[in-house]
Every structure is written in structure tokens, then in C-alpha cells.
Amino acid sequence: MHIENIYPQTPREGQRWEDHDSFVTRLGNLTLLGGRLNEQIKNSDFETKKQQACQATRLTLTERLLRYERWSPEVVLERQNELGRIAQEVWPAELLP
């Protein structure tokens, strides 16, 4: 498995977000992909990643990306909050030392 940046670390010309550095490594911008697939689509736009990776995966975390029509800083923050809520349910604070 590889960790894939949904919004790419090296976006194509004209597709770089204004706050690139603050979004590229956020949890909400990351997902898991098989190594070969990750190499094929690594700097592709979101639509390409949806078509080639999200539909082909068996991982719920990655498959859930299909529900988004576009990828933006607002979506990254929304997804990060969602992943945080899920993490709290799976690993409640009472389980921590």
C-alpha cells in the first residue's frame, strides 16, 4: 500500500492551490492505494484519480472519495473532520494510556 495525496504534491501548471503547503499533507488529503496504481496516477487531477483508483479499490477509505464531485481545500477540511470523528469512534480516549 502507498499513501496517495489526492491533491498532488506536484500539481500541474495552473492547478496549484493558493495555500498548497498547508493542504498537501493534511490527513483529509491522503488515502491509500496499491503501489502500482499509485505510480500510474500520482500527479493526476481528482477526476482521473476517481475514475482510475477510487472505483477500482476495495478500501472503503478510498472508495468514499467517489461521493465528491470535485476536490478543493474546503473538501479536504470536511474530510479531515470526518476522519477525525471516525478515529475517535474507533479509538476512544478511554482506550489510551
PDB file of N, CA and C in Angstrom:
ATOM      1  N   MET A   1       0.834  -1.181   0.000  1.00  0.00           N
ATOM      2  CA  MET A   1       0.000   0.000   0.000  1.00  0.00           C
ATOM      3  C   MET A   1       0.878   1.244   0.000  1.00  0.00           C
ATOM      4  N   HIS A   2       0.392   2.252  -0.668  1.00  0.00           N
ATOM      5  CA  HIS A   2       1.048   3.554  -0.693  1.00  0.00           C
ATOM      6  C   HIS A   2       0.079   4.598  -0.168  1.00  0.00           C
ATOM      7  N   ILE A   3       0.617   5.634   0.425  1.00  0.00           N
ATOM      8  CA  ILE A   3      -0.203   6.782   0.808  1.00  0.00           C
ATOM      9  C   ILE A   3      -0.215   7.734  -0.380  1.00  0.00           C
ATOM     10  N   GLU A   4      -1.404   8.051  -0.836  1.00  0.00           N
ATOM     11  CA  GLU A   4      -1.565   8.930  -2.003  1.00  0.00           C
ATOM     12  C   GLU A   4      -2.092  10.283  -1.570  1.00  0.00           C
ATOM     13  N   ASN A   5      -1.484  11.342  -2.078  1.00  0.00           N
ATOM     14  CA  ASN A   5      -2.004  12.692  -1.903  1.00  0.00           C
ATOM     15  C   ASN A   5      -3.081  12.888  -2.963  1.00  0.00           C
ATOM     16  N   ILE A   6      -4.300  13.120  -2.552  1.00  0.00           N
ATOM     17  CA  ILE A   6      -5.390  13.299  -3.515  1.00  0.00           C
ATOM     18  C   ILE A   6      -5.146  14.579  -4.313  1.00  0.00           C
ATOM     19  N   TYR A   7      -4.954  15.681  -3.614  1.00  0.00           N
ATOM     20  CA  TYR A   7      -4.446  16.897  -4.264  1.00  0.00           C
ATOM     21  C   TYR A   7      -2.939  16.678  -4.328  1.00  0.00           C
ATOM     22  N   PRO A   8      -2.358  16.654  -5.508  1.00  0.00           N
ATOM     23  CA  PRO A   8      -0.967  16.203  -5.664  1.00  0.00           C
ATOM     24  C   PRO A   8       0.079  17.121  -5.053  1.00  0.00           C
ATOM     25  N   GLN A   9       1.182  16.499  -4.650  1.00  0.00           N
ATOM     26  CA  GLN A   9       2.320  17.254  -4.141  1.00  0.00           C
ATOM     27  C   GLN A   9       2.907  18.145  -5.226  1.00  0.00           C
ATOM     28  N   THR A  10       2.828  17.691  -6.459  1.00  0.00           N
ATOM     29  CA  THR A  10       3.327  18.457  -7.601  1.00  0.00           C
ATOM     30  C   THR A  10       2.182  18.625  -8.600  1.00  0.00           C
ATOM     31  N   PRO A  11       1.308  19.595  -8.353  1.00  0.00           N
ATOM     32  CA  PRO A  11       0.174  19.777  -9.266  1.00  0.00           C
ATOM     33  C   PRO A  11       0.622  20.288 -10.634  1.00  0.00           C
ATOM     34  N   ARG A  12      -0.199  20.018 -11.605  1.00  0.00           N
ATOM     35  CA  ARG A  12       0.083  20.511 -12.960  1.00  0.00           C
ATOM     36  C   ARG A  12      -0.018  22.031 -12.987  1.00  0.00           C
ATOM     37  N   GLU A  13       0.606  22.617 -13.980  1.00  0.00           N
ATOM     38  CA  GLU A  13       0.615  24.072 -14.120  1.00  0.00           C
ATOM     39  C   GLU A  13      -0.810  24.622 -14.118  1.00  0.00           C
ATOM     40  N   GLY A  14      -1.025  25.655 -13.320  1.00  0.00           N
ATOM     41  CA  GLY A  14      -2.334  26.291 -13.232  1.00  0.00           C
ATOM     42  C   GLY A  14      -3.294  25.617 -12.261  1.00  0.00           C
ATOM     43  N   GLN A  15      -2.876  24.514 -11.640  1.00  0.00           N
ATOM     44  CA  GLN A  15      -3.758  23.801 -10.713  1.00  0.00           C
ATOM     45  C   GLN A  15      -3.273  23.864  -9.264  1.00  0.00           C
ATOM     46  N   ARG A  16      -2.262  24.648  -9.000  1.00  0.00           N
ATOM     47  CA  ARG A  16      -1.707  24.760  -7.646  1.00  0.00           C
ATOM     48  C   ARG A  16      -2.616  25.640  -6.792  1.00  0.00           C
ATOM     49  N   TRP A  17      -3.008  25.141  -5.619  1.00  0.00           N
ATOM     50  CA  TRP A  17      -3.849  25.896  -4.695  1.00  0.00           C
ATOM     51  C   TRP A  17      -3.040  27.004  -4.038  1.00  0.00           C
ATOM     52  N   GLU A  18      -3.725  28.065  -3.648  1.00  0.00           N
ATOM     53  CA  GLU A  18      -3.070  29.208  -3.023  1.00  0.00           C
ATOM     54  C   GLU A  18      -2.311  28.787  -1.759  1.00  0.00           C
ATOM     55  N   ASP A  19      -2.903  27.982  -0.904  1.00  0.00           N
ATOM     56  CA  ASP A  19      -2.265  27.520   0.332  1.00  0.00           C
ATOM     57  C   ASP A  19      -1.756  26.093   0.170  1.00  0.00           C
ATOM     58  N   HIS A  20      -1.088  25.831  -0.932  1.00  0.00           N
ATOM     59  CA  HIS A  20      -0.612  24.493  -1.284  1.00  0.00           C
ATOM     60  C   HIS A  20       0.039  23.761  -0.116  1.00  0.00           C
ATOM     61  N   ASP A  21       1.018  24.400   0.515  1.00  0.00           N
ATOM     62  CA  ASP A  21       1.795  23.727   1.564  1.00  0.00           C
ATOM     63  C   ASP A  21       0.958  23.343   2.778  1.00  0.00           C
ATOM     64  N   SER A  22      -0.099  24.085   3.051  1.00  0.00           N
ATOM     65  CA  SER A  22      -0.903  23.769   4.230  1.00  0.00           C
ATOM     66  C   SER A  22      -1.942  22.678   3.963  1.00  0.00           C
ATOM     67  N   PHE A  23      -2.152  22.301   2.705  1.00  0.00           N
ATOM     68  CA  PHE A  23      -3.159  21.283   2.389  1.00  0.00           C
ATOM     69  C   PHE A  23      -2.591  19.968   1.882  1.00  0.00           C
ATOM     70  N   VAL A  24      -1.440  19.996   1.277  1.00  0.00           N
ATOM     71  CA  VAL A  24      -0.938  18.819   0.570  1.00  0.00           C
ATOM     72  C   VAL A  24      -0.715  17.614   1.491  1.00  0.00           C
ATOM     73  N   THR A  25      -0.306  17.836   2.734  1.00  0.00           N
ATOM     74  CA  THR A  25      -0.042  16.699   3.626  1.00  0.00           C
ATOM     75  C   THR A  25      -1.088  16.528   4.723  1.00  0.00           C
ATOM     76  N   ARG A  26      -2.180  17.229   4.663  1.00  0.00           N
ATOM     77  CA  ARG A  26      -3.243  17.061   5.666  1.00  0.00           C
ATOM     78  C   ARG A  26      -3.849  15.668   5.557  1.00  0.00           C
ATOM     79  N   LEU A  27      -4.262  15.148   6.695  1.00  0.00           N
ATOM     80  CA  LEU A  27      -4.897  13.837   6.726  1.00  0.00           C
ATOM     81  C   LEU A  27      -6.078  13.772   5.760  1.00  0.00           C
ATOM     82  N   GLY A  28      -6.848  14.836   5.684  1.00  0.00           N
ATOM     83  CA  GLY A  28      -8.011  14.866   4.799  1.00  0.00           C
ATOM     84  C   GLY A  28      -7.660  14.777   3.331  1.00  0.00           C
ATOM     85  N   ASN A  29      -6.407  15.000   2.983  1.00  0.00           N
ATOM     86  CA  ASN A  29      -5.963  14.941   1.592  1.00  0.00           C
ATOM     87  C   ASN A  29      -5.261  13.627   1.264  1.00  0.00           C
ATOM     88  N   LEU A  30      -5.211  12.698   2.202  1.00  0.00           N
ATOM     89  CA  LEU A  30      -4.484  11.447   1.995  1.00  0.00           C
ATOM     90  C   LEU A  30      -5.435  10.259   1.911  1.00  0.00           C
ATOM     91  N   THR A  31      -5.036   9.258   1.137  1.00  0.00           N
ATOM     92  CA  THR A  31      -5.769   8.000   1.075  1.00  0.00           C
ATOM     93  C   THR A  31      -4.776   6.887   0.783  1.00  0.00           C
ATOM     94  N   LEU A  32      -5.264   5.665   0.775  1.00  0.00           N
ATOM     95  CA  LEU A  32      -4.417   4.507   0.499  1.00  0.00           C
ATOM     96  C   LEU A  32      -4.687   3.970  -0.891  1.00  0.00           C
ATOM     97  N   LEU A  33      -3.616   3.579  -1.579  1.00  0.00           N
ATOM     98  CA  LEU A  33      -3.720   2.960  -2.904  1.00  0.00           C
ATOM     99  C   LEU A  33      -2.677   1.861  -3.019  1.00  0.00           C
ATOM    100  N   GLY A  34      -2.961   0.890  -3.853  1.00  0.00           N
ATOM    101  CA  GLY A  34      -1.957  -0.115  -4.181  1.00  0.00           C
ATOM    102  C   GLY A  34      -0.790   0.557  -4.896  1.00  0.00           C
ATOM    103  N   GLY A  35       0.411   0.027  -4.708  1.00  0.00           N
ATOM    104  CA  GLY A  35       1.620   0.637  -5.240  1.00  0.00           C
ATOM    105  C   GLY A  35       1.623   0.868  -6.738  1.00  0.00           C
ATOM    106  N   ARG A  36       1.232  -0.133  -7.512  1.00  0.00           N
ATOM    107  CA  ARG A  36       1.241   0.032  -8.975  1.00  0.00           C
ATOM    108  C   ARG A  36       0.289   1.134  -9.420  1.00  0.00           C
ATOM    109  N   LEU A  37      -0.898   1.131  -8.841  1.00  0.00           N
ATOM    110  CA  LEU A  37      -1.892   2.134  -9.200  1.00  0.00           C
ATOM    111  C   LEU A  37      -1.415   3.529  -8.807  1.00  0.00           C
ATOM    112  N   ASN A  38      -0.814   3.642  -7.657  1.00  0.00           N
ATOM    113  CA  ASN A  38      -0.304   4.929  -7.206  1.00  0.00           C
ATOM    114  C   ASN A  38       0.731   5.476  -8.182  1.00  0.00           C
ATOM    115  N   GLU A  39       1.612   4.636  -8.671  1.00  0.00           N
ATOM    116  CA  GLU A  39       2.631   5.071  -9.625  1.00  0.00           C
ATOM    117  C   GLU A  39       2.005   5.560 -10.935  1.00  0.00           C
ATOM    118  N   GLN A  40       0.901   4.952 -11.347  1.00  0.00           N
ATOM    119  CA  GLN A  40       0.257   5.315 -12.609  1.00  0.00           C
ATOM    120  C   GLN A  40      -0.446   6.664 -12.543  1.00  0.00           C
ATOM    121  N   ILE A  41      -0.992   7.020 -11.388  1.00  0.00           N
ATOM    122  CA  ILE A  41      -1.836   8.224 -11.323  1.00  0.00           C
ATOM    123  C   ILE A  41      -1.298   9.317 -10.407  1.00  0.00           C
ATOM    124  N   LYS A  42      -0.078   9.222  -9.958  1.00  0.00           N
ATOM    125  CA  LYS A  42       0.432  10.049  -8.868  1.00  0.00           C
ATOM    126  C   LYS A  42       0.205  11.549  -8.983  1.00  0.00           C
ATOM    127  N   ASN A  43       0.329  12.171 -10.116  1.00  0.00           N
ATOM    128  CA  ASN A  43       0.107  13.615 -10.224  1.00  0.00           C
ATOM    129  C   ASN A  43      -1.118  13.966 -11.057  1.00  0.00           C
ATOM    130  N   SER A  44      -2.016  13.022 -11.186  1.00  0.00           N
ATOM    131  CA  SER A  44      -3.226  13.255 -11.965  1.00  0.00           C
ATOM    132  C   SER A  44      -4.200  14.149 -11.210  1.00  0.00           C
ATOM    133  N   ASP A  45      -5.150  14.692 -11.951  1.00  0.00           N
ATOM    134  CA  ASP A  45      -6.178  15.510 -11.317  1.00  0.00           C
ATOM    135  C   ASP A  45      -7.187  14.606 -10.604  1.00  0.00           C
ATOM    136  N   PHE A  46      -8.065  15.211  -9.820  1.00  0.00           N
ATOM    137  CA  PHE A  46      -9.002  14.458  -8.996  1.00  0.00           C
ATOM    138  C   PHE A  46      -9.927  13.575  -9.838  1.00  0.00           C
ATOM    139  N   GLU A  47     -10.414  14.078 -10.939  1.00  0.00           N
ATOM    140  CA  GLU A  47     -11.333  13.293 -11.774  1.00  0.00           C
ATOM    141  C   GLU A  47     -10.664  12.013 -12.278  1.00  0.00           C
ATOM    142  N   THR A  48      -9.429  12.112 -12.696  1.00  0.00           N
ATOM    143  CA  THR A  48      -8.685  10.929 -13.151  1.00  0.00           C
ATOM    144  C   THR A  48      -8.491   9.949 -12.006  1.00  0.00           C
ATOM    145  N   LYS A  49      -8.132  10.459 -10.842  1.00  0.00           N
ATOM    146  CA  LYS A  49      -7.941   9.584  -9.683  1.00  0.00           C
ATOM    147  C   LYS A  49      -9.246   8.884  -9.320  1.00  0.00           C
ATOM    148  N   LYS A  50     -10.349   9.598  -9.398  1.00  0.00           N
ATOM    149  CA  LYS A  50     -11.649   8.974  -9.110  1.00  0.00           C
ATOM    150  C   LYS A  50     -11.924   7.836 -10.087  1.00  0.00           C
ATOM    151  N   GLN A  51     -11.742   8.084 -11.356  1.00  0.00           N
ATOM    152  CA  GLN A  51     -12.059   7.083 -12.382  1.00  0.00           C
ATOM    153  C   GLN A  51     -11.133   5.878 -12.314  1.00  0.00           C
ATOM    154  N   GLN A  52      -9.857   6.101 -12.116  1.00  0.00           N
ATOM    155  CA  GLN A  52      -8.888   5.015 -12.205  1.00  0.00           C
ATOM    156  C   GLN A  52      -8.596   4.333 -10.871  1.00  0.00           C
ATOM    157  N   ALA A  53      -8.734   5.047  -9.767  1.00  0.00           N
ATOM    158  CA  ALA A  53      -8.345   4.464  -8.481  1.00  0.00           C
ATOM    159  C   ALA A  53      -9.519   4.185  -7.565  1.00  0.00           C
ATOM    160  N   CYS A  54     -10.343   5.169  -7.365  1.00  0.00           N
ATOM    161  CA  CYS A  54     -11.410   5.030  -6.376  1.00  0.00           C
ATOM    162  C   CYS A  54     -12.421   3.968  -6.767  1.00  0.00           C
ATOM    163  N   GLN A  55     -12.705   3.848  -8.050  1.00  0.00           N
ATOM    164  CA  GLN A  55     -13.664   2.840  -8.489  1.00  0.00           C
ATOM    165  C   GLN A  55     -13.072   1.441  -8.480  1.00  0.00           C
ATOM    166  N   ALA A  56     -11.754   1.344  -8.541  1.00  0.00           N
ATOM    167  CA  ALA A  56     -11.094   0.036  -8.618  1.00  0.00           C
ATOM    168  C   ALA A  56     -10.684  -0.502  -7.250  1.00  0.00           C
ATOM    169  N   THR A  57     -10.822   0.290  -6.217  1.00  0.00           N
ATOM    170  CA  THR A  57     -10.321  -0.112  -4.906  1.00  0.00           C
ATOM    171  C   THR A  57     -11.323  -0.971  -4.136  1.00  0.00           C
ATOM    172  N   ARG A  58     -10.790  -1.705  -3.181  1.00  0.00           N
ATOM    173  CA  ARG A  58     -11.638  -2.450  -2.251  1.00  0.00           C
ATOM    174  C   ARG A  58     -11.570  -1.811  -0.869  1.00  0.00           C
ATOM    175  N   LEU A  59     -10.882  -0.699  -0.762  1.00  0.00           N
ATOM    176  CA  LEU A  59     -10.734   0.003   0.507  1.00  0.00           C
ATOM    177  C   LEU A  59     -11.838   1.052   0.667  1.00  0.00           C
ATOM    178  N   THR A  60     -12.609   0.921   1.723  1.00  0.00           N
ATOM    179  CA  THR A  60     -13.705   1.861   1.964  1.00  0.00           C
ATOM    180  C   THR A  60     -13.201   3.291   2.061  1.00  0.00           C
ATOM    181  N   LEU A  61     -12.072   3.486   2.719  1.00  0.00           N
ATOM    182  CA  LEU A  61     -11.495   4.820   2.873  1.00  0.00           C
ATOM    183  C   LEU A  61     -11.317   5.504   1.521  1.00  0.00           C
ATOM    184  N   THR A  62     -10.823   4.780   0.551  1.00  0.00           N
ATOM    185  CA  THR A  62     -10.584   5.343  -0.780  1.00  0.00           C
ATOM    186  C   THR A  62     -11.866   5.382  -1.601  1.00  0.00           C
ATOM    187  N   GLU A  63     -12.672   4.362  -1.490  1.00  0.00           N
ATOM    188  CA  GLU A  63     -13.928   4.310  -2.245  1.00  0.00           C
ATOM    189  C   GLU A  63     -14.849   5.474  -1.894  1.00  0.00           C
ATOM    190  N   ARG A  64     -14.824   5.928  -0.659  1.00  0.00           N
ATOM    191  CA  ARG A  64     -15.675   7.043  -0.229  1.00  0.00           C
ATOM    192  C   ARG A  64     -15.379   8.344  -0.966  1.00  0.00           C
ATOM    193  N   LEU A  65     -14.229   8.425  -1.604  1.00  0.00           N
ATOM    194  CA  LEU A  65     -13.898   9.628  -2.368  1.00  0.00           C
ATOM    195  C   LEU A  65     -14.809   9.806  -3.580  1.00  0.00           C
ATOM    196  N   LEU A  66     -15.468   8.737  -4.001  1.00  0.00           N
ATOM    197  CA  LEU A  66     -16.362   8.809  -5.164  1.00  0.00           C
ATOM    198  C   LEU A  66     -17.537   9.750  -4.933  1.00  0.00           C
ATOM    199  N   ARG A  67     -17.884  10.007  -3.701  1.00  0.00           N
ATOM    200  CA  ARG A  67     -19.038  10.866  -3.417  1.00  0.00           C
ATOM    201  C   ARG A  67     -18.757  12.347  -3.650  1.00  0.00           C
ATOM    202  N   TYR A  68     -17.485  12.698  -3.803  1.00  0.00           N
ATOM    203  CA  TYR A  68     -17.136  14.104  -4.036  1.00  0.00           C
ATOM    204  C   TYR A  68     -17.094  14.395  -5.528  1.00  0.00           C
ATOM    205  N   GLU A  69     -17.726  15.484  -5.921  1.00  0.00           N
ATOM    206  CA  GLU A  69     -17.731  15.883  -7.330  1.00  0.00           C
ATOM    207  C   GLU A  69     -16.436  16.580  -7.719  1.00  0.00           C
ATOM    208  N   ARG A  70     -15.852  17.290  -6.773  1.00  0.00           N
ATOM    209  CA  ARG A  70     -14.596  17.990  -7.037  1.00  0.00           C
ATOM    210  C   ARG A  70     -13.770  17.980  -5.764  1.00  0.00           C
ATOM    211  N   TRP A  71     -12.498  18.289  -5.884  1.00  0.00           N
ATOM    212  CA  TRP A  71     -11.585  18.291  -4.746  1.00  0.00           C
ATOM    213  C   TRP A  71     -11.114  19.717  -4.523  1.00  0.00           C
ATOM    214  N   SER A  72     -11.256  20.217  -3.315  1.00  0.00           N
ATOM    215  CA  SER A  72     -10.915  21.601  -3.008  1.00  0.00           C
ATOM    216  C   SER A  72     -10.412  21.685  -1.568  1.00  0.00           C
ATOM    217  N   PRO A  73      -9.842  22.813  -1.179  1.00  0.00           N
ATOM    218  CA  PRO A  73      -9.417  22.970   0.216  1.00  0.00           C
ATOM    219  C   PRO A  73     -10.579  22.751   1.197  1.00  0.00           C
ATOM    220  N   GLU A  74     -11.761  23.206   0.833  1.00  0.00           N
ATOM    221  CA  GLU A  74     -12.923  23.028   1.710  1.00  0.00           C
ATOM    222  C   GLU A  74     -13.266  21.555   1.887  1.00  0.00           C
ATOM    223  N   VAL A  75     -13.151  20.787   0.821  1.00  0.00           N
ATOM    224  CA  VAL A  75     -13.428  19.348   0.894  1.00  0.00           C
ATOM    225  C   VAL A  75     -12.371  18.646   1.741  1.00  0.00           C
ATOM    226  N   VAL A  76     -11.125  19.064   1.614  1.00  0.00           N
ATOM    227  CA  VAL A  76     -10.054  18.470   2.428  1.00  0.00           C
ATOM    228  C   VAL A  76     -10.378  18.674   3.912  1.00  0.00           C
ATOM    229  N   LEU A  77     -10.778  19.880   4.288  1.00  0.00           N
ATOM    230  CA  LEU A  77     -11.104  20.161   5.690  1.00  0.00           C
ATOM    231  C   LEU A  77     -12.322  19.358   6.141  1.00  0.00           C
ATOM    232  N   GLU A  78     -13.331  19.268   5.295  1.00  0.00           N
ATOM    233  CA  GLU A  78     -14.527  18.481   5.605  1.00  0.00           C
ATOM    234  C   GLU A  78     -14.166  17.016   5.835  1.00  0.00           C
ATOM    235  N   ARG A  79     -13.367  16.467   4.943  1.00  0.00           N
ATOM    236  CA  ARG A  79     -12.970  15.064   5.054  1.00  0.00           C
ATOM    237  C   ARG A  79     -12.067  14.845   6.266  1.00  0.00           C
ATOM    238  N   GLN A  80     -11.216  15.799   6.560  1.00  0.00           N
ATOM    239  CA  GLN A  80     -10.352  15.667   7.721  1.00  0.00           C
ATOM    240  C   GLN A  80     -11.184  15.619   9.005  1.00  0.00           C
ATOM    241  N   ASN A  81     -12.198  16.451   9.107  1.00  0.00           N
ATOM    242  CA  ASN A  81     -13.088  16.420  10.266  1.00  0.00           C
ATOM    243  C   ASN A  81     -13.813  15.085  10.356  1.00  0.00           C
ATOM    244  N   GLU A  82     -14.264  14.580   9.225  1.00  0.00           N
ATOM    245  CA  GLU A  82     -14.948  13.280   9.197  1.00  0.00           C
ATOM    246  C   GLU A  82     -14.005  12.160   9.659  1.00  0.00           C
ATOM    247  N   LEU A  83     -12.786  12.155   9.156  1.00  0.00           N
ATOM    248  CA  LEU A  83     -11.824  11.125   9.556  1.00  0.00           C
ATOM    249  C   LEU A  83     -11.485  11.237  11.041  1.00  0.00           C
ATOM    250  N   GLY A  84     -11.450  12.449  11.560  1.00  0.00           N
ATOM    251  CA  GLY A  84     -11.208  12.650  12.986  1.00  0.00           C
ATOM    252  C   GLY A  84     -12.331  12.065  13.829  1.00  0.00           C
ATOM    253  N   ARG A  85     -13.584  12.270  13.392  1.00  0.00           N
ATOM    254  CA  ARG A  85     -14.732  11.692  14.112  1.00  0.00           C
ATOM    255  C   ARG A  85     -14.673  10.168  14.083  1.00  0.00           C
ATOM    256  N   ILE A  86     -14.341   9.612  12.941  1.00  0.00           N
ATOM    257  CA  ILE A  86     -14.238   8.154  12.812  1.00  0.00           C
ATOM    258  C   ILE A  86     -13.140   7.619  13.730  1.00  0.00           C
ATOM    259  N   ALA A  87     -12.008   8.289  13.751  1.00  0.00           N
ATOM    260  CA  ALA A  87     -10.890   7.852  14.599  1.00  0.00           C
ATOM    261  C   ALA A  87     -11.295   7.859  16.070  1.00  0.00           C
ATOM    262  N   GLN A  88     -12.046   8.853  16.493  1.00  0.00           N
ATOM    263  CA  GLN A  88     -12.483   8.911  17.889  1.00  0.00           C
ATOM    264  C   GLN A  88     -13.442   7.770  18.226  1.00  0.00           C
ATOM    265  N   GLU A  89     -14.250   7.361  17.263  1.00  0.00           N
ATOM    266  CA  GLU A  89     -15.157   6.229  17.485  1.00  0.00           C
ATOM    267  C   GLU A  89     -14.382   4.921  17.566  1.00  0.00           C
ATOM    268  N   VAL A  90     -13.404   4.761  16.695  1.00  0.00           N
ATOM    269  CA  VAL A  90     -12.623   3.515  16.655  1.00  0.00           C
ATOM    270  C   VAL A  90     -11.674   3.422  17.838  1.00  0.00           C
ATOM    271  N   TRP A  91     -11.029   4.528  18.174  1.00  0.00           N
ATOM    272  CA  TRP A  91     -10.056   4.566  19.275  1.00  0.00           C
ATOM    273  C   TRP A  91     -10.475   5.602  20.297  1.00  0.00           C
ATOM    274  N   PRO A  92     -11.506   5.326  21.104  1.00  0.00           N
ATOM    275  CA  PRO A  92     -11.943   6.309  22.091  1.00  0.00           C
ATOM    276  C   PRO A  92     -10.850   6.634  23.108  1.00  0.00           C
ATOM    277  N   ALA A  93     -10.911   7.822  23.666  1.00  0.00           N
ATOM    278  CA  ALA A  93      -9.879   8.279  24.603  1.00  0.00           C
ATOM    279  C   ALA A  93      -9.715   7.355  25.785  1.00  0.00           C
ATOM    280  N   GLU A  94     -10.780   6.660  26.194  1.00  0.00           N
ATOM    281  CA  GLU A  94     -10.688   5.749  27.337  1.00  0.00           C
ATOM    282  C   GLU A  94      -9.696   4.607  27.082  1.00  0.00           C
ATOM    283  N   LEU A  95      -9.425   4.301  25.829  1.00  0.00           N
ATOM    284  CA  LEU A  95      -8.502   3.226  25.496  1.00  0.00           C
ATOM    285  C   LEU A  95      -7.042   3.666  25.529  1.00  0.00           C
ATOM    286  N   LEU A  96      -6.809   4.948  25.568  1.00  0.00           N
ATOM    287  CA  LEU A  96      -5.447   5.467  25.558  1.00  0.00           C
ATOM    288  C   LEU A  96      -4.851   5.420  26.952  1.00  0.00           C
ATOM    289  N   PRO A  97      -3.544   5.195  27.078  1.00  0.00           N
ATOM    290  CA  PRO A  97      -2.919   5.145  28.413  1.00  0.00           C
ATOM    291  C   PRO A  97      -2.943   6.487  29.115  1.00  0.00           C
TER     292      PRO A  97
END
